[in-house]
C-alpha atoms as a PDB file:
ATOM      1  CA  MET A   1      61.380   1.582 -17.006  1.00  0.00           C
ATOM      2  CA  LYS A   2      60.637  -0.013 -13.659  1.00  0.00           C
ATOM      3  CA  LYS A   3      58.722   3.014 -12.584  1.00  0.00           C
ATOM      4  CA  SER A   4      56.561   2.848 -15.736  1.00  0.00           C
ATOM      5  CA  ILE A   5      55.712  -0.818 -15.098  1.00  0.00           C
ATOM      6  CA  PHE A   6      54.935  -0.003 -11.454  1.00  0.00           C
ATOM      7  CA  LEU A   7      52.558   2.802 -12.423  1.00  0.00           C
ATOM      8  CA  HIS A   8      50.875   0.612 -15.040  1.00  0.00           C
ATOM      9  CA  CYS A   9      50.311  -2.143 -12.443  1.00  0.00           C
ATOM     10  CA  LEU A  10      49.048   0.377  -9.933  1.00  0.00           C
ATOM     11  CA  ARG A  11      46.512   1.804 -12.436  1.00  0.00           C
ATOM     12  CA  PHE A  12      45.377  -1.698 -13.430  1.00  0.00           C
ATOM     13  CA  THR A  13      44.889  -2.653  -9.785  1.00  0.00           C
ATOM     14  CA  ALA A  14      42.955   0.539  -9.069  1.00  0.00           C
ATOM     15  CA  LEU A  15      40.744  -0.085 -12.136  1.00  0.00           C
ATOM     16  CA  ILE A  16      39.982  -3.651 -10.920  1.00  0.00           C
ATOM     17  CA  ALA A  17      39.196  -2.431  -7.392  1.00  0.00           C
ATOM     18  CA  VAL A  18      36.841   0.326  -8.635  1.00  0.00           C
ATOM     19  CA  SER A  19      35.104  -2.158 -11.004  1.00  0.00           C
ATOM     20  CA  ILE A  20      34.541  -4.658  -8.179  1.00  0.00           C
ATOM     21  CA  PHE A  21      33.199  -1.877  -5.952  1.00  0.00           C
ATOM     22  CA  LEU A  22      30.742  -0.654  -8.619  1.00  0.00           C
ATOM     23  CA  ILE A  23      29.520  -4.169  -9.389  1.00  0.00           C
ATOM     24  CA  THR A  24      28.971  -4.833  -5.658  1.00  0.00           C
ATOM     25  CA  VAL A  25      27.065  -1.583  -5.133  1.00  0.00           C
ATOM     26  CA  ASN A  26      24.946  -2.110  -8.265  1.00  0.00           C
ATOM     27  CA  THR A  27      24.036  -5.680  -7.266  1.00  0.00           C
ATOM     28  CA  GLY A  28      22.905  -4.547  -3.841  1.00  0.00           C
ATOM     29  CA  CYS A  29      20.626  -1.828  -5.219  1.00  0.00           C
ATOM     30  CA  GLY A  30      19.085  -3.765  -8.057  1.00  0.00           C
ATOM     31  CA  ARG A  31      16.112  -5.314  -6.315  1.00  0.00           C
ATOM     32  CA  THR A  32      13.226  -4.162  -4.230  1.00  0.00           C
ATOM     33  CA  PRO A  33      12.719  -6.258  -1.052  1.00  0.00           C
ATOM     34  CA  GLY A  34       9.828  -8.662  -1.561  1.00  0.00           C
ATOM     35  CA  SER A  35       9.746  -8.146  -5.333  1.00  0.00           C
ATOM     36  CA  ASP A  36      10.117 -11.880  -5.858  1.00  0.00           C
ATOM     37  CA  LYS A  37       6.757 -12.617  -4.144  1.00  0.00           C
ATOM     38  CA  PRO A  38       3.743 -13.386  -6.342  1.00  0.00           C
ATOM     39  CA  ARG A  39       1.319 -10.492  -6.409  1.00  0.00           C
ATOM     40  CA  GLY A  40      -2.211  -9.688  -7.418  1.00  0.00           C
ATOM     41  CA  GLU A  41      -4.465  -6.754  -8.117  1.00  0.00           C
ATOM     42  CA  ILE A  42      -7.631  -6.293  -6.050  1.00  0.00           C
ATOM     43  CA  THR A  43     -10.826  -4.416  -6.705  1.00  0.00           C
ATOM     44  CA  ILE A  44     -12.969  -4.043  -3.609  1.00  0.00           C
ATOM     45  CA  THR A  45     -16.522  -2.622  -3.795  1.00  0.00           C
ATOM     46  CA  ILE A  46     -18.096  -1.348  -0.553  1.00  0.00           C
ATOM     47  CA  THR A  47     -21.840  -0.805  -0.223  1.00  0.00           C
ATOM     48  CA  ASN A  48     -24.321  -0.248   2.571  1.00  0.00           C
ATOM     49  CA  GLY A  49     -27.693  -1.778   1.830  1.00  0.00           C
ATOM     50  CA  GLY A  50     -26.686  -1.964  -1.840  1.00  0.00           C
ATOM     51  CA  THR A  51     -25.845   1.767  -2.021  1.00  0.00           C
ATOM     52  CA  PRO A  52     -22.147   2.461  -2.802  1.00  0.00           C
ATOM     53  CA  ILE A  53     -20.032   4.194  -0.195  1.00  0.00           C
ATOM     54  CA  PRO A  54     -18.503   6.940  -2.399  1.00  0.00           C
ATOM     55  CA  GLU A  55     -15.828   8.238   0.040  1.00  0.00           C
ATOM     56  CA  GLY A  56     -13.383   6.603   2.375  1.00  0.00           C
ATOM     57  CA  GLN A  57     -10.232   4.560   2.547  1.00  0.00           C
ATOM     58  CA  VAL A  58      -9.897   0.782   2.202  1.00  0.00           C
ATOM     59  CA  ASP A  59      -6.810  -0.770   3.797  1.00  0.00           C
ATOM     60  CA  LEU A  60      -5.468  -4.314   3.855  1.00  0.00           C
ATOM     61  CA  ALA A  61      -3.252  -5.757   6.567  1.00  0.00           C
ATOM     62  CA  ASN A  62      -1.580  -9.112   6.916  1.00  0.00           C
ATOM     63  CA  GLU A  63      -0.427  -9.179  10.533  1.00  0.00           C
ATOM     64  CA  GLU A  64       1.722 -12.289  10.032  1.00  0.00           C
ATOM     65  CA  THR A  65       3.833 -10.908   7.172  1.00  0.00           C
ATOM     66  CA  GLY A  66       3.457  -7.167   7.677  1.00  0.00           C
ATOM     67  CA  GLU A  67       2.285  -6.842   4.035  1.00  0.00           C
ATOM     68  CA  GLY A  68      -0.516  -4.474   3.214  1.00  0.00           C
ATOM     69  CA  GLY A  69      -1.941  -1.925   0.859  1.00  0.00           C
ATOM     70  CA  GLY A  70      -4.726   0.558   0.513  1.00  0.00           C
ATOM     71  CA  GLY A  71      -6.646   2.857  -1.723  1.00  0.00           C
ATOM     72  CA  PRO A  72      -9.425   5.471  -1.719  1.00  0.00           C
ATOM     73  CA  LEU A  73     -13.025   4.656  -2.594  1.00  0.00           C
ATOM     74  CA  ASP A  74     -14.401   6.256  -5.732  1.00  0.00           C
ATOM     75  CA  GLU A  75     -17.955   7.408  -6.514  1.00  0.00           C
ATOM     76  CA  ALA A  76     -18.940   3.827  -7.312  1.00  0.00           C
ATOM     77  CA  GLY A  77     -17.721   2.640  -3.889  1.00  0.00           C
ATOM     78  CA  THR A  78     -14.756   0.861  -5.450  1.00  0.00           C
ATOM     79  CA  ALA A  79     -11.081   0.835  -4.512  1.00  0.00           C
ATOM     80  CA  THR A  80      -8.379  -0.705  -6.689  1.00  0.00           C
ATOM     81  CA  ILE A  81      -5.130  -1.781  -5.067  1.00  0.00           C
ATOM     82  CA  GLU A  82      -2.245  -3.016  -7.206  1.00  0.00           C
ATOM     83  CA  MET A  83       0.803  -5.135  -6.471  1.00  0.00           C
ATOM     84  CA  VAL A  84      -0.563  -6.789  -3.326  1.00  0.00           C
ATOM     85  CA  ALA A  85       1.405  -9.834  -2.165  1.00  0.00           C
ATOM     86  CA  VAL A  86      -0.509 -13.099  -2.310  1.00  0.00           C
ATOM     87  CA  GLY A  87      -1.976 -14.022   1.072  1.00  0.00           C
ATOM     88  CA  ASN A  88      -4.762 -13.483   3.573  1.00  0.00           C
ATOM     89  CA  TYR A  89      -5.635  -9.964   4.686  1.00  0.00           C
ATOM     90  CA  THR A  90      -7.931  -8.205   7.138  1.00  0.00           C
ATOM     91  CA  VAL A  91      -9.828  -5.376   5.442  1.00  0.00           C
ATOM     92  CA  THR A  92     -10.538  -2.088   7.230  1.00  0.00           C
ATOM     93  CA  ILE A  93     -12.651   0.768   5.938  1.00  0.00           C
ATOM     94  CA  ASN A  94     -12.395   4.300   7.280  1.00  0.00           C
ATOM     95  CA  PRO A  95     -14.354   7.433   6.503  1.00  0.00           C
ATOM     96  CA  PRO A  96     -12.652  10.211   4.617  1.00  0.00           C
ATOM     97  CA  PRO A  97     -10.622  12.695   6.715  1.00  0.00           C
ATOM     98  CA  GLN A  98     -12.188  16.017   7.662  1.00  0.00           C
ATOM     99  CA  GLU A  99     -11.269  18.993   5.483  1.00  0.00           C
ATOM    100  CA  PRO A 100      -8.570  21.130   7.130  1.00  0.00           C
ATOM    101  CA  ILE A 101      -9.560  24.612   8.218  1.00  0.00           C
ATOM    102  CA  ALA A 102      -7.167  27.441   7.510  1.00  0.00           C
ATOM    103  CA  PRO A 103      -6.022  29.398  10.541  1.00  0.00           C
ATOM    104  CA  GLY A 104      -7.808  32.697  11.071  1.00  0.00           C
ATOM    105  CA  MET A 105     -10.060  34.716  13.360  1.00  0.00           C
ATOM    106  CA  GLU A 106     -13.409  33.668  11.985  1.00  0.00           C
ATOM    107  CA  GLN A 107     -13.694  30.043  11.117  1.00  0.00           C
ATOM    108  CA  PRO A 108     -16.836  28.326   9.965  1.00  0.00           C
ATOM    109  CA  ALA A 109     -18.064  25.344  11.911  1.00  0.00           C
ATOM    110  CA  PRO A 110     -16.344  22.231  10.567  1.00  0.00           C
ATOM    111  CA  GLN A 111     -18.476  20.333   8.046  1.00  0.00           C
ATOM    112  CA  LYS A 112     -18.551  16.835   9.465  1.00  0.00           C
ATOM    113  CA  LYS A 113     -18.867  14.227   6.745  1.00  0.00           C
ATOM    114  CA  ASP A 114     -21.470  11.517   7.187  1.00  0.00           C
ATOM    115  CA  ASP A 115     -19.587   8.422   8.261  1.00  0.00           C
ATOM    116  CA  SER A 116     -22.508   6.586   9.856  1.00  0.00           C
ATOM    117  CA  ARG A 117     -22.623   4.158   6.903  1.00  0.00           C
ATOM    118  CA  ILE A 118     -19.222   2.783   7.931  1.00  0.00           C
ATOM    119  CA  PRO A 119     -19.642   0.815  11.183  1.00  0.00           C
ATOM    120  CA  PRO A 120     -16.967   1.406  13.852  1.00  0.00           C
ATOM    121  CA  LYS A 121     -16.318  -2.356  13.882  1.00  0.00           C
ATOM    122  CA  VAL A 122     -14.729  -2.332  10.384  1.00  0.00           C
ATOM    123  CA  ARG A 123     -12.415   0.609  11.140  1.00  0.00           C
ATOM    124  CA  LYS A 124      -9.887  -1.356  13.190  1.00  0.00           C
ATOM    125  CA  ILE A 125      -7.819  -4.412  12.305  1.00  0.00           C
ATOM    126  CA  LYS A 126      -8.570  -6.133  15.626  1.00  0.00           C
ATOM    127  CA  THR A 127     -12.362  -5.857  15.250  1.00  0.00           C
ATOM    128  CA  SER A 128     -12.965  -5.999  11.513  1.00  0.00           C
ATOM    129  CA  PRO A 129     -14.688  -9.204  10.351  1.00  0.00           C
ATOM    130  CA  LEU A 130     -13.827  -8.475   6.732  1.00  0.00           C
ATOM    131  CA  THR A 131     -11.150 -10.727   5.218  1.00  0.00           C
ATOM    132  CA  VAL A 132      -9.865 -11.487   1.719  1.00  0.00           C
ATOM    133  CA  GLU A 133      -7.535 -14.048   0.211  1.00  0.00           C
ATOM    134  CA  VAL A 134      -5.478 -12.451  -2.519  1.00  0.00           C
ATOM    135  CA  LYS A 135      -4.317 -14.733  -5.336  1.00  0.00           C
ATOM    136  CA  SER A 136      -2.086 -14.039  -8.332  1.00  0.00           C
ATOM    137  CA  GLY A 137      -3.874 -12.078 -11.024  1.00  0.00           C
ATOM    138  CA  THR A 138      -7.100 -10.097 -10.684  1.00  0.00           C
ATOM    139  CA  ASN A 139      -9.197 -10.428  -7.500  1.00  0.00           C
ATOM    140  CA  GLU A 140     -12.662  -8.901  -6.973  1.00  0.00           C
ATOM    141  CA  PHE A 141     -14.470  -8.599  -3.638  1.00  0.00           C
ATOM    142  CA  THR A 142     -17.734  -6.952  -2.552  1.00  0.00           C
ATOM    143  CA  PHE A 143     -18.761  -6.159   1.020  1.00  0.00           C
ATOM    144  CA  ASP A 144     -22.152  -4.858   2.140  1.00  0.00           C
ATOM    145  CA  LEU A 145     -21.664  -3.073   5.445  1.00  0.00           C
ATOM    146  CA  LYS A 146     -25.409  -3.200   6.292  1.00  0.00           C
ATOM    147  CA  GLU A 147     -24.850  -6.893   7.180  1.00  0.00           C
ATOM    148  CA  ILE A 148     -22.188  -5.941   9.762  1.00  0.00           C
ATOM    149  CA  GLN A 149     -24.106  -3.274  11.728  1.00  0.00           C
END
């Protein structure tokens, strides 16, 4: 009889220990860091002299918080970036990457994409004069790069 009570207590203790462990693990994995911060969605349109820049990458960087985001430009010169933490950001714009060339004996000359419409100044965080303040909800910004040349 004593052995039966001992085994019952041992099982009950093991069940409690496993339950506490699972609750602890589940609580630690239940949230994404920074998910409690207010966030917004941004639409940024990039033009040069009023003409949309149809290719490239728009990136945001907040050097104080380390927050950021980015997205590709579409044919209309627009990039949409979702779930950006509220705050002030420096905007950089970079031309699209060059197409990779497959290894082989005879390779065509690389087709360099025209990136002259994106001034070098806006390609680096330290030199870009473009800034945005992201607020909760929807945010829309337009930059004409002709004014920056």
